[in-house]
C-alpha atoms as a PDB file:
ATOM      1  CA  UNK A   1       3.277   7.668 -19.472  1.00  0.00           C
ATOM      2  CA  UNK A   2       6.584   7.392 -17.609  1.00  0.00           C
ATOM      3  CA  UNK A   3       7.102   7.257 -13.860  1.00  0.00           C
ATOM      4  CA  UNK A   4       8.920  10.590 -14.139  1.00  0.00           C
ATOM      5  CA  UNK A   5       5.835  12.180 -15.701  1.00  0.00           C
ATOM      6  CA  UNK A   6       3.584  10.668 -13.047  1.00  0.00           C
ATOM      7  CA  UNK A   7       5.868  11.997 -10.291  1.00  0.00           C
ATOM      8  CA  UNK A   8       5.584  15.450 -11.900  1.00  0.00           C
ATOM      9  CA  UNK A   9       1.768  15.163 -11.873  1.00  0.00           C
ATOM     10  CA  UNK A  10       1.965  14.425  -8.144  1.00  0.00           C
ATOM     11  CA  UNK A  11       4.072  17.547  -7.572  1.00  0.00           C
ATOM     12  CA  UNK A  12       7.413  15.725  -7.383  1.00  0.00           C
ATOM     13  CA  UNK A  13       8.987  16.654 -10.693  1.00  0.00           C
ATOM     14  CA  UNK A  14      12.601  15.447 -10.728  1.00  0.00           C
ATOM     15  CA  UNK A  15      12.402  14.146  -7.142  1.00  0.00           C
ATOM     16  CA  UNK A  16      14.404  10.917  -7.128  1.00  0.00           C
ATOM     17  CA  UNK A  17      12.825   9.282  -4.068  1.00  0.00           C
ATOM     18  CA  UNK A  18       9.326   9.751  -5.527  1.00  0.00           C
ATOM     19  CA  UNK A  19      10.319   8.251  -8.880  1.00  0.00           C
ATOM     20  CA  UNK A  20      12.078   5.387  -7.073  1.00  0.00           C
ATOM     21  CA  UNK A  21       8.955   4.723  -4.979  1.00  0.00           C
ATOM     22  CA  UNK A  22       6.801   4.563  -8.117  1.00  0.00           C
ATOM     23  CA  UNK A  23       9.279   2.144  -9.683  1.00  0.00           C
ATOM     24  CA  UNK A  24       9.586   0.004  -6.550  1.00  0.00           C
ATOM     25  CA  UNK A  25       5.840  -0.545  -6.176  1.00  0.00           C
ATOM     26  CA  UNK A  26       5.173  -0.741  -9.928  1.00  0.00           C
ATOM     27  CA  UNK A  27       5.572  -4.536 -10.149  1.00  0.00           C
ATOM     28  CA  UNK A  28       3.091  -5.026  -7.282  1.00  0.00           C
ATOM     29  CA  UNK A  29       0.546  -2.650  -8.782  1.00  0.00           C
ATOM     30  CA  UNK A  30       1.030  -4.283 -12.179  1.00  0.00           C
ATOM     31  CA  UNK A  31       0.991  -7.849 -10.889  1.00  0.00           C
ATOM     32  CA  UNK A  32      -1.393 -10.035 -12.846  1.00  0.00           C
ATOM     33  CA  UNK A  33      -2.270 -13.605 -12.168  1.00  0.00           C
ATOM     34  CA  UNK A  34      -5.316 -15.385 -13.422  1.00  0.00           C
ATOM     35  CA  UNK A  35      -7.553 -16.295 -10.532  1.00  0.00           C
ATOM     36  CA  UNK A  36      -5.660 -14.051  -8.075  1.00  0.00           C
ATOM     37  CA  UNK A  37      -6.572 -14.636  -4.491  1.00  0.00           C
ATOM     38  CA  UNK A  38      -5.219 -13.253  -1.261  1.00  0.00           C
ATOM     39  CA  UNK A  39      -4.004 -16.534   0.252  1.00  0.00           C
ATOM     40  CA  UNK A  40      -0.345 -15.445   0.101  1.00  0.00           C
ATOM     41  CA  UNK A  41      -1.213 -12.179   1.852  1.00  0.00           C
ATOM     42  CA  UNK A  42      -3.105 -14.089   4.549  1.00  0.00           C
ATOM     43  CA  UNK A  43      -0.109 -16.396   5.087  1.00  0.00           C
ATOM     44  CA  UNK A  44       2.223 -13.388   5.315  1.00  0.00           C
ATOM     45  CA  UNK A  45      -0.010 -11.744   7.931  1.00  0.00           C
ATOM     46  CA  UNK A  46      -0.240 -14.964   9.929  1.00  0.00           C
ATOM     47  CA  UNK A  47       3.544 -15.383   9.733  1.00  0.00           C
ATOM     48  CA  UNK A  48       4.156 -11.816  10.917  1.00  0.00           C
ATOM     49  CA  UNK A  49       1.750 -12.316  13.828  1.00  0.00           C
ATOM     50  CA  UNK A  50       3.425 -15.598  14.778  1.00  0.00           C
ATOM     51  CA  UNK A  51       6.887 -14.038  14.642  1.00  0.00           C
ATOM     52  CA  UNK A  52       5.792 -11.133  16.818  1.00  0.00           C
ATOM     53  CA  UNK A  53       4.318 -13.624  19.318  1.00  0.00           C
ATOM     54  CA  UNK A  54       7.526 -15.652  19.268  1.00  0.00           C
ATOM     55  CA  UNK A  55       9.589 -12.516  19.966  1.00  0.00           C
ATOM     56  CA  UNK A  56       7.438 -11.676  23.006  1.00  0.00           C
ATOM     57  CA  UNK A  57       7.699 -15.244  24.324  1.00  0.00           C
ATOM     58  CA  UNK A  58      11.478 -15.284  23.774  1.00  0.00           C
ATOM     59  CA  UNK A  59      11.915 -11.993  25.641  1.00  0.00           C
ATOM     60  CA  UNK A  60       9.704 -13.093  28.528  1.00  0.00           C
ATOM     61  CA  UNK A  61      11.355 -16.540  28.807  1.00  0.00           C
ATOM     62  CA  UNK A  62      14.822 -14.959  28.861  1.00  0.00           C
ATOM     63  CA  UNK A  63      13.747 -12.601  31.649  1.00  0.00           C
ATOM     64  CA  UNK A  64      12.225 -15.455  33.674  1.00  0.00           C
ATOM     65  CA  UNK A  65      15.380 -17.587  33.598  1.00  0.00           C
ATOM     66  CA  UNK A  66      17.701 -14.624  34.026  1.00  0.00           C
ATOM     67  CA  UNK A  67      19.434 -14.896  30.642  1.00  0.00           C
ATOM     68  CA  UNK A  68      20.680 -11.921  28.774  1.00  0.00           C
ATOM     69  CA  UNK A  69      19.027 -11.293  25.449  1.00  0.00           C
ATOM     70  CA  UNK A  70      19.387  -8.525  22.876  1.00  0.00           C
ATOM     71  CA  UNK A  71      16.335  -6.641  24.146  1.00  0.00           C
ATOM     72  CA  UNK A  72      16.860  -3.636  21.893  1.00  0.00           C
ATOM     73  CA  UNK A  73      16.930  -5.866  18.796  1.00  0.00           C
ATOM     74  CA  UNK A  74      13.858  -7.806  19.898  1.00  0.00           C
ATOM     75  CA  UNK A  75      12.050  -4.520  20.570  1.00  0.00           C
ATOM     76  CA  UNK A  76      13.098  -3.148  17.170  1.00  0.00           C
ATOM     77  CA  UNK A  77      11.899  -6.284  15.375  1.00  0.00           C
ATOM     78  CA  UNK A  78       8.636  -6.338  17.331  1.00  0.00           C
ATOM     79  CA  UNK A  79       7.970  -2.657  16.600  1.00  0.00           C
ATOM     80  CA  UNK A  80       8.734  -3.187  12.901  1.00  0.00           C
ATOM     81  CA  UNK A  81       6.308  -6.124  12.749  1.00  0.00           C
ATOM     82  CA  UNK A  82       3.660  -4.078  14.558  1.00  0.00           C
ATOM     83  CA  UNK A  83       3.981  -1.406  11.854  1.00  0.00           C
ATOM     84  CA  UNK A  84       4.158  -3.956   9.020  1.00  0.00           C
ATOM     85  CA  UNK A  85       1.070  -5.987   9.884  1.00  0.00           C
ATOM     86  CA  UNK A  86      -1.483  -3.270   8.956  1.00  0.00           C
ATOM     87  CA  UNK A  87       0.284  -2.854   5.614  1.00  0.00           C
ATOM     88  CA  UNK A  88       0.019  -6.583   4.920  1.00  0.00           C
ATOM     89  CA  UNK A  89      -3.585  -6.605   6.132  1.00  0.00           C
ATOM     90  CA  UNK A  90      -4.629  -3.949   3.635  1.00  0.00           C
ATOM     91  CA  UNK A  91      -3.713  -6.318   0.784  1.00  0.00           C
ATOM     92  CA  UNK A  92      -6.193  -8.896   2.026  1.00  0.00           C
ATOM     93  CA  UNK A  93      -9.396  -8.640   0.049  1.00  0.00           C
ATOM     94  CA  UNK A  94     -11.795  -6.211   1.624  1.00  0.00           C
ATOM     95  CA  UNK A  95     -15.544  -6.698   1.364  1.00  0.00           C
ATOM     96  CA  UNK A  96     -16.942  -5.118  -1.782  1.00  0.00           C
ATOM     97  CA  UNK A  97     -19.870  -2.788  -2.169  1.00  0.00           C
ATOM     98  CA  UNK A  98     -23.193  -4.553  -1.750  1.00  0.00           C
ATOM     99  CA  UNK A  99     -23.679  -6.835  -4.682  1.00  0.00           C
ATOM    100  CA  UNK A 100     -20.556  -5.595  -6.411  1.00  0.00           C
ATOM    101  CA  UNK A 101     -17.281  -7.328  -7.104  1.00  0.00           C
ATOM    102  CA  UNK A 102     -14.560  -7.549  -4.490  1.00  0.00           C
ATOM    103  CA  UNK A 103     -12.306  -4.518  -4.938  1.00  0.00           C
ATOM    104  CA  UNK A 104      -8.881  -5.129  -6.426  1.00  0.00           C
ATOM    105  CA  UNK A 105      -6.278  -4.661  -3.671  1.00  0.00           C
ATOM    106  CA  UNK A 106      -3.740  -3.493  -6.216  1.00  0.00           C
ATOM    107  CA  UNK A 107      -5.898  -0.392  -6.661  1.00  0.00           C
ATOM    108  CA  UNK A 108      -5.522   0.440  -2.940  1.00  0.00           C
ATOM    109  CA  UNK A 109      -1.778   0.029  -3.241  1.00  0.00           C
ATOM    110  CA  UNK A 110      -1.697   2.215  -6.356  1.00  0.00           C
ATOM    111  CA  UNK A 111      -3.791   4.900  -4.634  1.00  0.00           C
ATOM    112  CA  UNK A 112      -1.655   4.827  -1.478  1.00  0.00           C
ATOM    113  CA  UNK A 113       1.631   5.075  -3.332  1.00  0.00           C
ATOM    114  CA  UNK A 114       0.339   8.125  -5.183  1.00  0.00           C
ATOM    115  CA  UNK A 115      -1.235   9.614  -2.023  1.00  0.00           C
ATOM    116  CA  UNK A 116       2.013   9.232  -0.081  1.00  0.00           C
ATOM    117  CA  UNK A 117       3.918  11.212  -2.691  1.00  0.00           C
ATOM    118  CA  UNK A 118       1.126  13.793  -3.089  1.00  0.00           C
ATOM    119  CA  UNK A 119       1.031  14.510   0.679  1.00  0.00           C
ATOM    120  CA  UNK A 120       4.716  15.412   0.699  1.00  0.00           C
ATOM    121  CA  UNK A 121       4.079  18.319  -1.693  1.00  0.00           C
ATOM    122  CA  UNK A 122       0.475  19.414  -1.058  1.00  0.00           C
ATOM    123  CA  UNK A 123      -1.626  20.512   1.916  1.00  0.00           C
ATOM    124  CA  UNK A 124      -4.759  18.725   0.667  1.00  0.00           C
ATOM    125  CA  UNK A 125      -5.436  14.978   0.465  1.00  0.00           C
ATOM    126  CA  UNK A 126      -5.987  15.276  -3.296  1.00  0.00           C
ATOM    127  CA  UNK A 127      -9.236  13.329  -3.540  1.00  0.00           C
ATOM    128  CA  UNK A 128     -10.927  16.324  -5.180  1.00  0.00           C
ATOM    129  CA  UNK A 129      -8.014  17.121  -7.474  1.00  0.00           C
ATOM    130  CA  UNK A 130      -8.441  16.018 -11.073  1.00  0.00           C
ATOM    131  CA  UNK A 131      -4.649  16.118 -11.444  1.00  0.00           C
ATOM    132  CA  UNK A 132      -4.178  13.750  -8.505  1.00  0.00           C
ATOM    133  CA  UNK A 133      -6.889  11.347  -9.711  1.00  0.00           C
ATOM    134  CA  UNK A 134      -5.377  11.434 -13.206  1.00  0.00           C
ATOM    135  CA  UNK A 135      -1.983  10.576 -11.683  1.00  0.00           C
ATOM    136  CA  UNK A 136      -3.527   7.529  -9.954  1.00  0.00           C
ATOM    137  CA  UNK A 137      -4.991   6.353 -13.255  1.00  0.00           C
ATOM    138  CA  UNK A 138      -1.755   7.101 -15.130  1.00  0.00           C
ATOM    139  CA  UNK A 139       0.272   5.123 -12.580  1.00  0.00           C
ATOM    140  CA  UNK A 140      -2.187   2.219 -12.781  1.00  0.00           C
ATOM    141  CA  UNK A 141      -1.863   2.099 -16.559  1.00  0.00           C
ATOM    142  CA  UNK A 142       1.915   2.686 -16.523  1.00  0.00           C
ATOM    143  CA  UNK A 143       2.150  -0.481 -14.417  1.00  0.00           C
ATOM    144  CA  UNK A 144       0.474  -2.415 -17.233  1.00  0.00           C
ATOM    145  CA  UNK A 145      -3.101  -2.446 -15.981  1.00  0.00           C
ATOM    146  CA  UNK A 146      -6.114  -1.677 -18.200  1.00  0.00           C
ATOM    147  CA  UNK A 147      -8.073   1.576 -17.845  1.00  0.00           C
ATOM    148  CA  UNK A 148     -10.275   1.532 -14.753  1.00  0.00           C
ATOM    149  CA  UNK A 149     -13.382   3.063 -16.312  1.00  0.00           C
ATOM    150  CA  UNK A 150     -15.192   0.113 -17.884  1.00  0.00           C
ATOM    151  CA  UNK A 151     -16.600   2.287 -20.635  1.00  0.00           C
ATOM    152  CA  UNK A 152     -13.149   3.841 -21.308  1.00  0.00           C
ATOM    153  CA  UNK A 153     -14.703   7.256 -20.602  1.00  0.00           C
ATOM    154  CA  UNK A 154     -11.712   8.287 -18.537  1.00  0.00           C
ATOM    155  CA  UNK A 155     -13.926   8.789 -15.479  1.00  0.00           C
ATOM    156  CA  UNK A 156     -11.380   9.350 -12.739  1.00  0.00           C
ATOM    157  CA  UNK A 157     -13.824   9.598  -9.826  1.00  0.00           C
ATOM    158  CA  UNK A 158     -13.661   5.820  -9.491  1.00  0.00           C
ATOM    159  CA  UNK A 159     -10.348   6.367  -7.629  1.00  0.00           C
ATOM    160  CA  UNK A 160     -12.051   8.320  -4.835  1.00  0.00           C
ATOM    161  CA  UNK A 161     -13.465   5.189  -3.220  1.00  0.00           C
ATOM    162  CA  UNK A 162     -10.002   3.610  -2.969  1.00  0.00           C
ATOM    163  CA  UNK A 163      -8.634   6.778  -1.411  1.00  0.00           C
ATOM    164  CA  UNK A 164     -11.399   7.347   1.120  1.00  0.00           C
ATOM    165  CA  UNK A 165     -12.335   3.778   2.096  1.00  0.00           C
ATOM    166  CA  UNK A 166      -8.795   3.111   3.323  1.00  0.00           C
ATOM    167  CA  UNK A 167      -7.647   6.604   4.191  1.00  0.00           C
ATOM    168  CA  UNK A 168      -3.942   7.591   4.230  1.00  0.00           C
ATOM    169  CA  UNK A 169      -4.246   8.348   7.939  1.00  0.00           C
ATOM    170  CA  UNK A 170      -4.727   4.610   8.609  1.00  0.00           C
ATOM    171  CA  UNK A 171      -1.615   3.442   6.789  1.00  0.00           C
ATOM    172  CA  UNK A 172       1.139   4.792   4.639  1.00  0.00           C
ATOM    173  CA  UNK A 173       3.286   3.254   1.938  1.00  0.00           C
ATOM    174  CA  UNK A 174       6.941   4.313   1.978  1.00  0.00           C
END
């Protein structure tokens, strides 16, 4: 299935920004590496935290010694990092269901990309919509991932957990 068809399933038929968003996040959703771990994500989060801390120290030090500093730029960068850190944090492996495997963070990303587009065109979150759940699965597979139902039954309800355990109200992919 094409990204254009998936956008149409989400209610965004012919909407360029929606198709572009699907394309932009496609390589991340489709990323495959044997033995994937979240060490890179953890380093990115630590780096963002350290940079935000450095910005606060720089601003405070400049104030204390009476130097001018580009406060609006420091504030903009700090605010951007504050908004970025939860997005990075969601890629860090979350604890799995009791006794089950650790959930694949690419599935959360896939679900959030689809949910972000869906919300622009619908009044409901979509978790009970077979069309929405089918769009999540179609996007997952269009990015080169295998079907999510282990028995290849096409069971789409397995997407609900990724949509409700990290709800769109907590973070949003743009």
